[in-house]
């Protein structure tokens, strides 16, 4: 099961964002689901990253 878990650094690489972006996201309410293992270790499931990427598809640059 752990083979589908990646570190914050690896998740940032998959998403094309900085590690700091993911750190801030967790503190702000976590749009991107994560797994906390023990009291400190944070991991992301690859399938959650793929779901997040798919949810970000836009067909227009306008807000609404």
Protein backbone atom coordinates (compact mmCIF):
# COMPACT_ATOMS: atom_id res chain seq x y z
CA UNK A 1 0.00 0.00 0.00
CA UNK A 2 2.79 2.44 0.74
CA UNK A 3 4.03 2.25 -2.86
CA UNK A 4 1.32 4.72 -3.87
CA UNK A 5 2.38 7.22 -1.17
CA UNK A 6 4.82 9.99 -2.05
CA UNK A 7 6.58 12.64 0.01
CA UNK A 8 5.67 16.31 -0.11
CA UNK A 9 8.70 16.96 -2.31
CA UNK A 10 7.68 14.22 -4.74
CA UNK A 11 4.05 15.41 -4.75
CA UNK A 12 5.22 18.93 -5.55
CA UNK A 13 7.17 17.59 -8.51
CA UNK A 14 4.12 15.65 -9.78
CA UNK A 15 1.90 18.75 -9.50
CA UNK A 16 4.47 21.22 -10.79
CA UNK A 17 4.29 23.36 -7.66
CA UNK A 18 6.70 24.13 -4.84
CA UNK A 19 6.95 22.18 -1.60
CA UNK A 20 6.06 25.45 0.15
CA UNK A 21 2.78 25.61 -1.81
CA UNK A 22 1.79 22.19 -0.44
CA UNK A 23 2.91 23.15 3.07
CA UNK A 24 0.72 26.29 2.92
CA UNK A 25 -2.17 24.30 1.45
CA UNK A 26 -2.13 21.93 4.43
CA UNK A 27 -2.14 24.83 6.90
CA UNK A 28 -4.92 26.63 5.03
CA UNK A 29 -7.33 23.72 4.95
CA UNK A 30 -5.90 21.24 2.45
CA UNK A 31 -7.54 21.38 -0.95
CA UNK A 32 -5.25 18.47 -1.77
CA UNK A 33 -5.84 15.45 0.51
CA UNK A 34 -2.85 14.13 2.45
CA UNK A 35 -2.02 11.35 4.87
CA UNK A 36 -0.29 12.00 8.19
CA UNK A 37 1.74 9.05 9.40
CA UNK A 38 2.58 9.36 13.06
CA UNK A 39 2.95 12.89 14.36
CA UNK A 40 5.20 14.34 11.65
CA UNK A 41 5.39 12.38 8.41
CA UNK A 42 3.14 13.68 5.62
CA UNK A 43 2.47 11.70 2.46
CA UNK A 44 0.24 12.14 -0.56
CA UNK A 45 -1.54 9.35 -2.41
CA UNK A 46 -0.81 9.38 -6.13
CA UNK A 47 -4.49 8.81 -6.94
CA UNK A 48 -5.41 11.92 -4.90
CA UNK A 49 -2.87 13.96 -6.87
CA UNK A 50 -4.32 12.67 -10.15
CA UNK A 51 -7.85 13.54 -8.98
CA UNK A 52 -6.72 17.04 -8.00
CA UNK A 53 -5.06 17.57 -11.39
CA UNK A 54 -8.22 16.41 -13.19
CA UNK A 55 -10.34 18.79 -11.10
CA UNK A 56 -8.22 21.75 -12.20
CA UNK A 57 -9.07 21.46 -15.91
CA UNK A 58 -10.53 24.75 -17.14
CA UNK A 59 -12.06 25.68 -20.48
CA UNK A 60 -11.92 29.44 -20.01
CA UNK A 61 -9.77 31.96 -18.19
CA UNK A 62 -12.78 33.86 -16.86
CA UNK A 63 -13.98 33.34 -13.31
CA UNK A 64 -17.49 32.26 -12.62
